Amino acid sequence: MVSVGTVVWLSSELMFFAGLFAMYFTLRSTTGGLWAEETAKLNFPFALVNTLILVSSSFSCQMGVFTAENLRPRRTGRLFQFSKWGMTEWFLLTFVLGSIFVAGQTTEYAMLTSEYVTLNSNAYGSAFYITTGFHGLHVIGGLIAFLLIIGRAYAAKKFGHFEATSAIVTSYYWHFVDVVWIGLFLVIYVLK
């Protein structure tokens, strides 16, 4: 039931982001020259590296899911024996990668603000900050969820299917957030 509920909730989140994409494309279609001028201020290599960091966090998240499904909450070997890591180590790595992504977004916001691209500067600024900002809030929500799942793994007397299911549905959310970012990255940074 938890998995089904999560998928239904993610469907509503999909509609929310579809609305944001619609807003972006509508504003873009009505202010043509502005988009070319403002997108030139974007730092594509920086955004690409930040995107790769977020995408790599999906792989570490999935490794955590595999170990949770095997009911292995913590590592069984040395720290750098990755094959012996448990769910908590993989989720901690995911948390670090997600935090680096958020820090990268914050850095990008600072760089764009210095170029006078702000939320209220023009239609492009509004569209950029609203779409990426809501995504960033979703990433922060996912990071909090990872901390809760890790805490639950340490608090549980016995790590069982209930705890594993929580880890799995958290991964659904994280993968969703990553896929949304790939769409945003392609629309904002690649599509000219």
N, C-alpha and C. Protein backbone atom coordinates (compact mmCIF):
# COMPACT_ATOMS: atom_id res chain seq x y z
N MET A 1 0.82 -1.19 0.00
CA MET A 1 0.00 0.00 0.00
C MET A 1 0.86 1.27 0.00
N VAL A 2 1.98 1.22 0.73
CA VAL A 2 2.86 2.39 0.80
C VAL A 2 3.42 2.70 -0.58
N SER A 3 3.83 1.68 -1.30
CA SER A 3 4.37 1.88 -2.64
C SER A 3 3.33 2.47 -3.58
N VAL A 4 2.12 1.95 -3.54
CA VAL A 4 1.05 2.45 -4.40
C VAL A 4 0.72 3.90 -4.04
N GLY A 5 0.63 4.19 -2.75
CA GLY A 5 0.36 5.55 -2.31
C GLY A 5 1.45 6.52 -2.76
N THR A 6 2.68 6.07 -2.70
CA THR A 6 3.79 6.92 -3.13
C THR A 6 3.72 7.19 -4.63
N VAL A 7 3.40 6.18 -5.40
CA VAL A 7 3.29 6.36 -6.85
C VAL A 7 2.15 7.32 -7.19
N VAL A 8 1.02 7.21 -6.49
CA VAL A 8 -0.11 8.11 -6.73
C VAL A 8 0.30 9.54 -6.37
N TRP A 9 0.97 9.71 -5.23
CA TRP A 9 1.42 11.04 -4.82
C TRP A 9 2.43 11.60 -5.83
N LEU A 10 3.35 10.76 -6.32
CA LEU A 10 4.32 11.23 -7.32
C LEU A 10 3.62 11.62 -8.62
N SER A 11 2.50 11.00 -8.91
CA SER A 11 1.73 11.40 -10.10
C SER A 11 1.22 12.82 -9.95
N SER A 12 0.80 13.18 -8.75
CA SER A 12 0.37 14.57 -8.53
C SER A 12 1.56 15.52 -8.62
N GLU A 13 2.70 15.09 -8.16
CA GLU A 13 3.92 15.90 -8.29
C GLU A 13 4.29 16.08 -9.76
N LEU A 14 4.07 15.03 -10.55
CA LEU A 14 4.34 15.11 -11.97
C LEU A 14 3.47 16.18 -12.62
N MET A 15 2.21 16.25 -12.22
CA MET A 15 1.31 17.28 -12.75
C MET A 15 1.77 18.67 -12.32
N PHE A 16 2.26 18.81 -11.10
CA PHE A 16 2.78 20.09 -10.62
C PHE A 16 3.93 20.55 -11.50
N PHE A 17 4.89 19.66 -11.74
CA PHE A 17 6.03 20.04 -12.57
C PHE A 17 5.63 20.23 -14.03
N ALA A 18 4.62 19.50 -14.50
CA ALA A 18 4.12 19.73 -15.86
C ALA A 18 3.59 21.16 -15.98
N GLY A 19 2.93 21.64 -14.94
CA GLY A 19 2.47 23.03 -14.93
C GLY A 19 3.63 24.01 -14.98
N LEU A 20 4.71 23.70 -14.26
CA LEU A 20 5.89 24.57 -14.29
C LEU A 20 6.53 24.58 -15.68
N PHE A 21 6.61 23.42 -16.30
CA PHE A 21 7.15 23.37 -17.67
C PHE A 21 6.26 24.17 -18.62
N ALA A 22 4.95 24.05 -18.45
CA ALA A 22 4.02 24.80 -19.31
C ALA A 22 4.22 26.30 -19.12
N MET A 23 4.40 26.73 -17.88
CA MET A 23 4.67 28.15 -17.61
C MET A 23 5.95 28.59 -18.31
N TYR A 24 7.00 27.77 -18.20
CA TYR A 24 8.28 28.10 -18.80
C TYR A 24 8.15 28.27 -20.31
N PHE A 25 7.51 27.28 -20.96
CA PHE A 25 7.38 27.34 -22.41
C PHE A 25 6.47 28.48 -22.87
N THR A 26 5.43 28.77 -22.10
CA THR A 26 4.53 29.87 -22.46
C THR A 26 5.27 31.20 -22.39
N LEU A 27 5.98 31.43 -21.30
CA LEU A 27 6.75 32.68 -21.17
C LEU A 27 7.83 32.77 -22.24
N ARG A 28 8.44 31.65 -22.53
CA ARG A 28 9.50 31.64 -23.56
C ARG A 28 8.93 31.98 -24.93
N SER A 29 7.76 31.47 -25.23
CA SER A 29 7.18 31.71 -26.56
C SER A 29 6.71 33.15 -26.74
N THR A 30 6.44 33.84 -25.65
CA THR A 30 5.94 35.21 -25.77
C THR A 30 7.03 36.27 -25.62
N THR A 31 8.23 35.85 -25.24
CA THR A 31 9.33 36.82 -25.05
C THR A 31 10.59 36.27 -25.71
N GLY A 32 10.57 36.11 -27.00
CA GLY A 32 11.64 35.45 -27.74
C GLY A 32 13.04 35.99 -27.54
N GLY A 33 13.26 37.28 -27.82
CA GLY A 33 14.60 37.85 -27.74
C GLY A 33 15.19 37.84 -26.35
N LEU A 34 14.33 37.97 -25.35
CA LEU A 34 14.79 37.98 -23.96
C LEU A 34 15.46 36.66 -23.60
N TRP A 35 14.91 35.55 -24.08
CA TRP A 35 15.45 34.24 -23.73
C TRP A 35 16.88 34.08 -24.25
N ALA A 36 17.13 34.48 -25.47
CA ALA A 36 18.48 34.37 -26.03
C ALA A 36 19.47 35.20 -25.23
N GLU A 37 19.06 36.37 -24.83
CA GLU A 37 19.93 37.27 -24.07
C GLU A 37 20.23 36.71 -22.67
N GLU A 38 19.21 36.20 -22.01
CA GLU A 38 19.38 35.73 -20.62
C GLU A 38 20.04 34.35 -20.54
N THR A 39 19.74 33.45 -21.48
CA THR A 39 20.36 32.12 -21.42
C THR A 39 21.86 32.20 -21.70
N ALA A 40 22.31 33.26 -22.35
CA ALA A 40 23.75 33.43 -22.57
C ALA A 40 24.50 33.62 -21.26
N LYS A 41 23.80 33.98 -20.21
CA LYS A 41 24.42 34.19 -18.90
C LYS A 41 24.57 32.90 -18.10
N LEU A 42 23.95 31.83 -18.58
CA LEU A 42 24.04 30.56 -17.87
C LEU A 42 25.42 29.94 -18.04
N ASN A 43 25.89 29.29 -17.00
CA ASN A 43 27.19 28.62 -17.02
C ASN A 43 26.93 27.13 -17.30
N PHE A 44 26.92 26.77 -18.58
CA PHE A 44 26.58 25.39 -18.96
C PHE A 44 27.53 24.36 -18.36
N PRO A 45 28.87 24.53 -18.42
CA PRO A 45 29.74 23.50 -17.84
C PRO A 45 29.48 23.28 -16.34
N PHE A 46 29.27 24.36 -15.62
CA PHE A 46 28.99 24.26 -14.19
C PHE A 46 27.69 23.48 -13.96
N ALA A 47 26.65 23.82 -14.72
CA ALA A 47 25.36 23.14 -14.58
C ALA A 47 25.46 21.67 -14.99
N LEU A 48 26.28 21.38 -15.99
CA LEU A 48 26.45 19.99 -16.42
C LEU A 48 27.10 19.16 -15.32
N VAL A 49 28.15 19.69 -14.71
CA VAL A 49 28.81 18.97 -13.61
C VAL A 49 27.83 18.78 -12.45
N ASN A 50 27.09 19.81 -12.13
CA ASN A 50 26.11 19.71 -11.05
C ASN A 50 25.04 18.67 -11.38
N THR A 51 24.63 18.60 -12.64
CA THR A 51 23.66 17.59 -13.08
C THR A 51 24.23 16.19 -12.95
N LEU A 52 25.49 16.01 -13.35
CA LEU A 52 26.12 14.69 -13.24
C LEU A 52 26.22 14.25 -11.78
N ILE A 53 26.44 15.20 -10.89
CA ILE A 53 26.49 14.87 -9.46
C ILE A 53 25.13 14.36 -9.00
N LEU A 54 24.06 15.07 -9.40
CA LEU A 54 22.72 14.64 -8.99
C LEU A 54 22.36 13.29 -9.60
N VAL A 55 22.69 13.09 -10.87
CA VAL A 55 22.38 11.81 -11.52
C VAL A 55 23.15 10.67 -10.87
N SER A 56 24.40 10.92 -10.49
CA SER A 56 25.18 9.87 -9.82
C SER A 56 24.57 9.51 -8.47
N SER A 57 23.88 10.47 -7.84
CA SER A 57 23.23 10.16 -6.56
C SER A 57 22.10 9.15 -6.74
N SER A 58 21.52 9.08 -7.92
CA SER A 58 20.49 8.07 -8.17
C SER A 58 21.09 6.66 -8.15
N PHE A 59 22.32 6.55 -8.63
CA PHE A 59 22.97 5.23 -8.61
C PHE A 59 23.29 4.81 -7.18
N SER A 60 23.82 5.73 -6.37
CA SER A 60 24.11 5.37 -4.98
C SER A 60 22.81 5.08 -4.22
N CYS A 61 21.75 5.82 -4.53
CA CYS A 61 20.45 5.56 -3.92
C CYS A 61 19.97 4.15 -4.26
N GLN A 62 20.10 3.77 -5.51
CA GLN A 62 19.64 2.44 -5.92
C GLN A 62 20.47 1.33 -5.28
N MET A 63 21.76 1.58 -5.10
CA MET A 63 22.59 0.60 -4.39
C MET A 63 22.10 0.44 -2.95
N GLY A 64 21.69 1.56 -2.34
CA GLY A 64 21.11 1.48 -1.00
C GLY A 64 19.83 0.67 -0.97
N VAL A 65 19.03 0.81 -2.02
CA VAL A 65 17.79 0.03 -2.11
C VAL A 65 18.11 -1.46 -2.22
N PHE A 66 19.08 -1.80 -3.05
CA PHE A 66 19.43 -3.21 -3.20
C PHE A 66 19.85 -3.81 -1.85
N THR A 67 20.65 -3.06 -1.09
CA THR A 67 21.08 -3.60 0.21
C THR A 67 19.92 -3.62 1.21
N ALA A 68 18.99 -2.65 1.12
CA ALA A 68 17.82 -2.66 2.00
C ALA A 68 16.94 -3.87 1.69
N GLU A 69 16.80 -4.18 0.41
CA GLU A 69 16.01 -5.36 0.02
C GLU A 69 16.64 -6.64 0.54
N ASN A 70 17.96 -6.63 0.68
CA ASN A 70 18.66 -7.79 1.25
C ASN A 70 18.73 -7.72 2.78
N LEU A 71 18.01 -6.73 3.34
CA LEU A 71 17.94 -6.53 4.79
C LEU A 71 19.32 -6.34 5.42
N ARG A 72 20.15 -5.53 4.74
CA ARG A 72 21.48 -5.21 5.25
C ARG A 72 21.54 -3.70 5.48
N PRO A 73 21.21 -3.25 6.69
CA PRO A 73 21.16 -1.82 6.94
C PRO A 73 22.53 -1.15 7.04
N ARG A 74 23.54 -1.88 7.49
CA ARG A 74 24.87 -1.27 7.67
C ARG A 74 25.95 -2.15 7.05
N ARG A 75 27.12 -1.56 6.89
CA ARG A 75 28.22 -2.27 6.23
C ARG A 75 28.66 -3.48 7.06
N THR A 76 29.17 -4.47 6.35
CA THR A 76 29.64 -5.69 7.01
C THR A 76 31.14 -5.86 6.85
N GLY A 77 31.78 -4.92 6.20
CA GLY A 77 33.24 -4.97 6.01
C GLY A 77 33.85 -3.63 6.35
N ARG A 78 35.04 -3.41 5.80
CA ARG A 78 35.73 -2.15 6.05
C ARG A 78 35.06 -1.01 5.28
N LEU A 79 35.42 0.22 5.65
CA LEU A 79 34.77 1.40 5.12
C LEU A 79 34.86 1.50 3.59
N PHE A 80 36.01 1.17 3.03
CA PHE A 80 36.17 1.32 1.58
C PHE A 80 35.92 0.02 0.81
N GLN A 81 35.32 -0.96 1.43
CA GLN A 81 34.85 -2.15 0.73
C GLN A 81 33.40 -1.87 0.31
N PHE A 82 33.26 -1.24 -0.84
CA PHE A 82 31.94 -0.79 -1.27
C PHE A 82 30.96 -1.95 -1.43
N SER A 83 31.45 -3.10 -1.78
CA SER A 83 30.56 -4.26 -1.95
C SER A 83 29.98 -4.72 -0.61
N LYS A 84 30.55 -4.28 0.47
CA LYS A 84 30.08 -4.66 1.81
C LYS A 84 29.26 -3.56 2.47
N TRP A 85 29.05 -2.46 1.74
CA TRP A 85 28.26 -1.36 2.32
C TRP A 85 26.81 -1.79 2.50
N GLY A 86 26.20 -1.17 3.48
CA GLY A 86 24.77 -1.38 3.72
C GLY A 86 23.98 -0.18 3.23
N MET A 87 22.70 -0.20 3.53
CA MET A 87 21.82 0.87 3.09
C MET A 87 22.25 2.23 3.63
N THR A 88 22.64 2.29 4.89
CA THR A 88 22.97 3.59 5.49
C THR A 88 24.18 4.23 4.81
N GLU A 89 25.19 3.46 4.47
CA GLU A 89 26.36 4.04 3.80
C GLU A 89 26.00 4.57 2.41
N TRP A 90 25.20 3.78 1.67
CA TRP A 90 24.81 4.24 0.33
C TRP A 90 23.90 5.46 0.42
N PHE A 91 23.01 5.47 1.39
CA PHE A 91 22.12 6.62 1.54
C PHE A 91 22.88 7.85 2.05
N LEU A 92 23.89 7.63 2.88
CA LEU A 92 24.72 8.77 3.30
C LEU A 92 25.47 9.36 2.11
N LEU A 93 25.98 8.51 1.24
CA LEU A 93 26.64 8.99 0.03
C LEU A 93 25.64 9.76 -0.84
N THR A 94 24.43 9.24 -0.96
CA THR A 94 23.39 9.93 -1.72
C THR A 94 23.09 11.29 -1.10
N PHE A 95 23.02 11.33 0.22
CA PHE A 95 22.78 12.59 0.92
C PHE A 95 23.89 13.60 0.63
N VAL A 96 25.13 13.15 0.66
CA VAL A 96 26.26 14.06 0.38
C VAL A 96 26.19 14.57 -1.05
N LEU A 97 25.94 13.69 -2.00
CA LEU A 97 25.84 14.11 -3.41
C LEU A 97 24.68 15.08 -3.61
N GLY A 98 23.54 14.80 -2.99
CA GLY A 98 22.40 15.70 -3.09
C GLY A 98 22.70 17.06 -2.46
N SER A 99 23.42 17.05 -1.36
CA SER A 99 23.81 18.31 -0.71
C SER A 99 24.76 19.11 -1.57
N ILE A 100 25.67 18.43 -2.25
CA ILE A 100 26.58 19.13 -3.17
C ILE A 100 25.77 19.76 -4.30
N PHE A 101 24.76 19.05 -4.79
CA PHE A 101 23.91 19.60 -5.84
C PHE A 101 23.21 20.88 -5.36
N VAL A 102 22.65 20.84 -4.16
CA VAL A 102 21.96 22.02 -3.62
C VAL A 102 22.95 23.18 -3.45
N ALA A 103 24.15 22.87 -2.97
CA ALA A 103 25.18 23.91 -2.84
C ALA A 103 25.54 24.48 -4.21
N GLY A 104 25.59 23.62 -5.23
CA GLY A 104 25.86 24.07 -6.59
C GLY A 104 24.76 24.98 -7.11
N GLN A 105 23.51 24.61 -6.83
CA GLN A 105 22.38 25.47 -7.23
C GLN A 105 22.48 26.83 -6.55
N THR A 106 22.82 26.83 -5.28
CA THR A 106 22.95 28.08 -4.54
C THR A 106 24.06 28.93 -5.14
N THR A 107 25.16 28.30 -5.49
CA THR A 107 26.27 29.01 -6.13
C THR A 107 25.83 29.59 -7.47
N GLU A 108 25.09 28.80 -8.24
CA GLU A 108 24.61 29.29 -9.53
C GLU A 108 23.66 30.48 -9.35
N TYR A 109 22.81 30.41 -8.34
CA TYR A 109 21.92 31.54 -8.07
C TYR A 109 22.72 32.79 -7.76
N ALA A 110 23.78 32.64 -6.97
CA ALA A 110 24.63 33.80 -6.64
C ALA A 110 25.29 34.35 -7.90
N MET A 111 25.76 33.47 -8.78
CA MET A 111 26.40 33.92 -10.02
C MET A 111 25.39 34.66 -10.90
N LEU A 112 24.18 34.13 -11.02
CA LEU A 112 23.17 34.78 -11.87
C LEU A 112 22.69 36.09 -11.26
N THR A 113 22.59 36.15 -9.96
CA THR A 113 22.20 37.40 -9.31
C THR A 113 23.22 38.49 -9.58
N SER A 114 24.51 38.11 -9.61
CA SER A 114 25.54 39.10 -9.93
C SER A 114 25.45 39.57 -11.38
N GLU A 115 24.77 38.78 -12.23
CA GLU A 115 24.54 39.15 -13.63
C GLU A 115 23.17 39.83 -13.78
N TYR A 116 22.53 40.16 -12.66
CA TYR A 116 21.23 40.83 -12.63
C TYR A 116 20.10 39.98 -13.16
N VAL A 117 20.22 38.67 -13.02
CA VAL A 117 19.11 37.77 -13.31
C VAL A 117 18.52 37.40 -11.95
N THR A 118 17.37 37.98 -11.64
CA THR A 118 16.72 37.73 -10.36
C THR A 118 15.29 37.28 -10.60
N LEU A 119 14.64 36.92 -9.52
CA LEU A 119 13.26 36.44 -9.61
C LEU A 119 12.33 37.49 -10.20
N ASN A 120 12.57 38.75 -9.88
CA ASN A 120 11.67 39.80 -10.37
C ASN A 120 12.30 40.70 -11.44
N SER A 121 13.39 40.24 -12.04
CA SER A 121 14.03 41.07 -13.07
C SER A 121 13.26 41.07 -14.39
N ASN A 122 12.75 39.92 -14.78
CA ASN A 122 11.99 39.80 -16.04
C ASN A 122 11.33 38.43 -16.08
N ALA A 123 10.66 38.13 -17.18
CA ALA A 123 9.96 36.84 -17.30
C ALA A 123 10.92 35.67 -17.24
N TYR A 124 12.10 35.82 -17.83
CA TYR A 124 13.07 34.73 -17.78
C TYR A 124 13.50 34.43 -16.35
N GLY A 125 13.84 35.48 -15.61
CA GLY A 125 14.25 35.29 -14.22
C GLY A 125 13.17 34.60 -13.40
N SER A 126 11.93 35.02 -13.60
CA SER A 126 10.82 34.39 -12.88
C SER A 126 10.70 32.92 -13.23
N ALA A 127 10.73 32.62 -14.52
CA ALA A 127 10.59 31.23 -14.95
C ALA A 127 11.76 30.38 -14.46
N PHE A 128 12.97 30.91 -14.55
CA PHE A 128 14.15 30.16 -14.13
C PHE A 128 14.11 29.85 -12.64
N TYR A 129 13.89 30.86 -11.83
CA TYR A 129 13.94 30.66 -10.38
C TYR A 129 12.75 29.87 -9.85
N ILE A 130 11.59 30.04 -10.46
CA ILE A 130 10.43 29.27 -9.99
C ILE A 130 10.62 27.78 -10.30
N THR A 131 11.03 27.46 -11.53
CA THR A 131 11.18 26.04 -11.88
C THR A 131 12.33 25.39 -11.11
N THR A 132 13.50 26.02 -11.12
CA THR A 132 14.65 25.41 -10.43
C THR A 132 14.51 25.50 -8.92
N GLY A 133 13.83 26.56 -8.45
CA GLY A 133 13.65 26.70 -7.01
C GLY A 133 12.73 25.64 -6.43
N PHE A 134 11.61 25.40 -7.11
CA PHE A 134 10.72 24.34 -6.63
C PHE A 134 11.41 22.98 -6.70
N HIS A 135 12.20 22.77 -7.73
CA HIS A 135 12.95 21.52 -7.80
C HIS A 135 13.92 21.43 -6.63
N GLY A 136 14.62 22.52 -6.34
CA GLY A 136 15.56 22.52 -5.22
C GLY A 136 14.88 22.22 -3.89
N LEU A 137 13.68 22.75 -3.70
CA LEU A 137 12.92 22.44 -2.48
C LEU A 137 12.59 20.95 -2.41
N HIS A 138 12.29 20.36 -3.55
CA HIS A 138 12.02 18.92 -3.58
C HIS A 138 13.29 18.12 -3.26
N VAL A 139 14.42 18.58 -3.73
CA VAL A 139 15.68 17.90 -3.40
C VAL A 139 15.92 17.98 -1.89
N ILE A 140 15.73 19.15 -1.31
CA ILE A 140 15.92 19.30 0.13
C ILE A 140 14.96 18.38 0.89
N GLY A 141 13.72 18.26 0.42
CA GLY A 141 12.78 17.32 1.02
C GLY A 141 13.29 15.88 0.95
N GLY A 142 13.88 15.52 -0.18
CA GLY A 142 14.46 14.18 -0.32
C GLY A 142 15.64 13.97 0.62
N LEU A 143 16.45 14.99 0.80
CA LEU A 143 17.58 14.88 1.72
C LEU A 143 17.10 14.66 3.16
N ILE A 144 16.04 15.35 3.54
CA ILE A 144 15.47 15.15 4.87
C ILE A 144 14.93 13.73 5.00
N ALA A 145 14.29 13.23 3.95
CA ALA A 145 13.77 11.86 3.97
C ALA A 145 14.90 10.85 4.14
N PHE A 146 16.03 11.07 3.48
CA PHE A 146 17.17 10.16 3.65
C PHE A 146 17.65 10.15 5.10
N LEU A 147 17.72 11.32 5.72
CA LEU A 147 18.14 11.37 7.13
C LEU A 147 17.16 10.62 8.02
N LEU A 148 15.86 10.73 7.73
CA LEU A 148 14.86 10.00 8.52
C LEU A 148 15.00 8.50 8.34
N ILE A 149 15.23 8.07 7.11
CA ILE A 149 15.37 6.63 6.84
C ILE A 149 16.64 6.09 7.51
N ILE A 150 17.71 6.84 7.44
CA ILE A 150 18.96 6.41 8.09
C ILE A 150 18.75 6.34 9.60
N GLY A 151 18.09 7.35 10.16
CA GLY A 151 17.81 7.33 11.59
C GLY A 151 16.93 6.16 11.99
N ARG A 152 15.94 5.86 11.16
CA ARG A 152 15.06 4.72 11.43
C ARG A 152 15.84 3.41 11.39
N ALA A 153 16.82 3.31 10.49
CA ALA A 153 17.63 2.09 10.40
C ALA A 153 18.45 1.89 11.67
N TYR A 154 18.94 2.98 12.23
CA TYR A 154 19.71 2.87 13.47
C TYR A 154 18.81 2.64 14.68
N ALA A 155 17.60 3.18 14.65
CA ALA A 155 16.69 3.05 15.78
C ALA A 155 16.00 1.69 15.84
N ALA A 156 15.86 1.03 14.70
CA ALA A 156 15.14 -0.25 14.66
C ALA A 156 15.94 -1.34 15.36
N LYS A 157 15.25 -2.09 16.19
CA LYS A 157 15.93 -3.21 16.87
C LYS A 157 16.29 -4.29 15.86
N LYS A 158 15.40 -4.49 14.91
CA LYS A 158 15.65 -5.46 13.84
C LYS A 158 15.22 -4.81 12.53
N PHE A 159 16.13 -4.74 11.57
CA PHE A 159 15.83 -4.15 10.27
C PHE A 159 15.05 -5.18 9.47
N GLY A 160 13.80 -4.84 9.17
CA GLY A 160 12.94 -5.79 8.46
C GLY A 160 12.34 -5.20 7.20
N HIS A 161 11.29 -5.84 6.73
CA HIS A 161 10.65 -5.43 5.48
C HIS A 161 9.99 -4.06 5.60
N PHE A 162 9.50 -3.72 6.78
CA PHE A 162 8.89 -2.41 6.98
C PHE A 162 9.90 -1.30 6.74
N GLU A 163 11.10 -1.44 7.31
CA GLU A 163 12.16 -0.45 7.10
C GLU A 163 12.65 -0.45 5.66
N ALA A 164 12.73 -1.63 5.06
CA ALA A 164 13.17 -1.73 3.66
C ALA A 164 12.17 -1.05 2.74
N THR A 165 10.88 -1.22 3.01
CA THR A 165 9.85 -0.57 2.19
C THR A 165 9.97 0.94 2.26
N SER A 166 10.26 1.47 3.44
CA SER A 166 10.45 2.91 3.59
C SER A 166 11.62 3.39 2.74
N ALA A 167 12.69 2.61 2.72
CA ALA A 167 13.85 2.97 1.91
C ALA A 167 13.50 2.93 0.42
N ILE A 168 12.71 1.96 0.03
CA ILE A 168 12.34 1.81 -1.38
C ILE A 168 11.48 2.98 -1.85
N VAL A 169 10.47 3.36 -1.05
CA VAL A 169 9.61 4.46 -1.49
C VAL A 169 10.35 5.80 -1.46
N THR A 170 11.32 5.94 -0.59
CA THR A 170 12.17 7.14 -0.60
C THR A 170 12.97 7.18 -1.89
N SER A 171 13.41 6.03 -2.36
CA SER A 171 14.15 5.98 -3.62
C SER A 171 13.25 6.35 -4.80
N TYR A 172 11.96 5.97 -4.75
CA TYR A 172 11.04 6.37 -5.80
C TYR A 172 11.02 7.89 -5.93
N TYR A 173 10.92 8.54 -4.78
CA TYR A 173 10.87 10.00 -4.77
C TYR A 173 12.18 10.58 -5.30
N TRP A 174 13.30 10.02 -4.86
CA TRP A 174 14.60 10.55 -5.29
C TRP A 174 14.80 10.38 -6.79
N HIS A 175 14.44 9.23 -7.31
CA HIS A 175 14.57 9.01 -8.76
C HIS A 175 13.65 9.97 -9.53
N PHE A 176 12.47 10.20 -9.01
CA PHE A 176 11.55 11.15 -9.63
C PHE A 176 12.18 12.54 -9.68
N VAL A 177 12.75 12.98 -8.56
CA VAL A 177 13.38 14.30 -8.51
C VAL A 177 14.53 14.39 -9.50
N ASP A 178 15.29 13.32 -9.64
CA ASP A 178 16.40 13.30 -10.60
C ASP A 178 15.90 13.38 -12.04
N VAL A 179 14.85 12.64 -12.36
CA VAL A 179 14.32 12.67 -13.72
C VAL A 179 13.76 14.05 -14.05
N VAL A 180 13.09 14.67 -13.08
CA VAL A 180 12.58 16.02 -13.30
C VAL A 180 13.74 16.97 -13.58
N TRP A 181 14.85 16.82 -12.84
CA TRP A 181 15.98 17.71 -13.07
C TRP A 181 16.56 17.50 -14.47
N ILE A 182 16.63 16.27 -14.92
CA ILE A 182 17.15 16.02 -16.27
C ILE A 182 16.29 16.77 -17.29
N GLY A 183 14.96 16.71 -17.11
CA GLY A 183 14.07 17.46 -17.99
C GLY A 183 14.32 18.96 -17.90
N LEU A 184 14.45 19.47 -16.68
CA LEU A 184 14.72 20.91 -16.51
C LEU A 184 16.06 21.29 -17.13
N PHE A 185 17.06 20.47 -16.92
CA PHE A 185 18.39 20.76 -17.48
C PHE A 185 18.33 20.83 -19.00
N LEU A 186 17.65 19.85 -19.61
CA LEU A 186 17.55 19.85 -21.07
C LEU A 186 16.79 21.07 -21.58
N VAL A 187 15.72 21.44 -20.90
CA VAL A 187 14.90 22.58 -21.35
C VAL A 187 15.63 23.91 -21.11
N ILE A 188 16.23 24.06 -19.94
CA ILE A 188 16.82 25.35 -19.58
C ILE A 188 18.20 25.55 -20.17
N TYR A 189 19.04 24.52 -20.12
CA TYR A 189 20.45 24.70 -20.50
C TYR A 189 20.79 24.22 -21.91
N VAL A 190 20.05 23.24 -22.42
CA VAL A 190 20.41 22.64 -23.71
C VAL A 190 19.55 23.21 -24.84
N LEU A 191 18.23 23.25 -24.64
CA LEU A 191 17.32 23.69 -25.68
C LEU A 191 17.47 25.19 -25.91
N LYS A 192 17.91 25.56 -27.08
CA LYS A 192 18.16 26.98 -27.37
C LYS A 192 17.01 27.57 -28.15
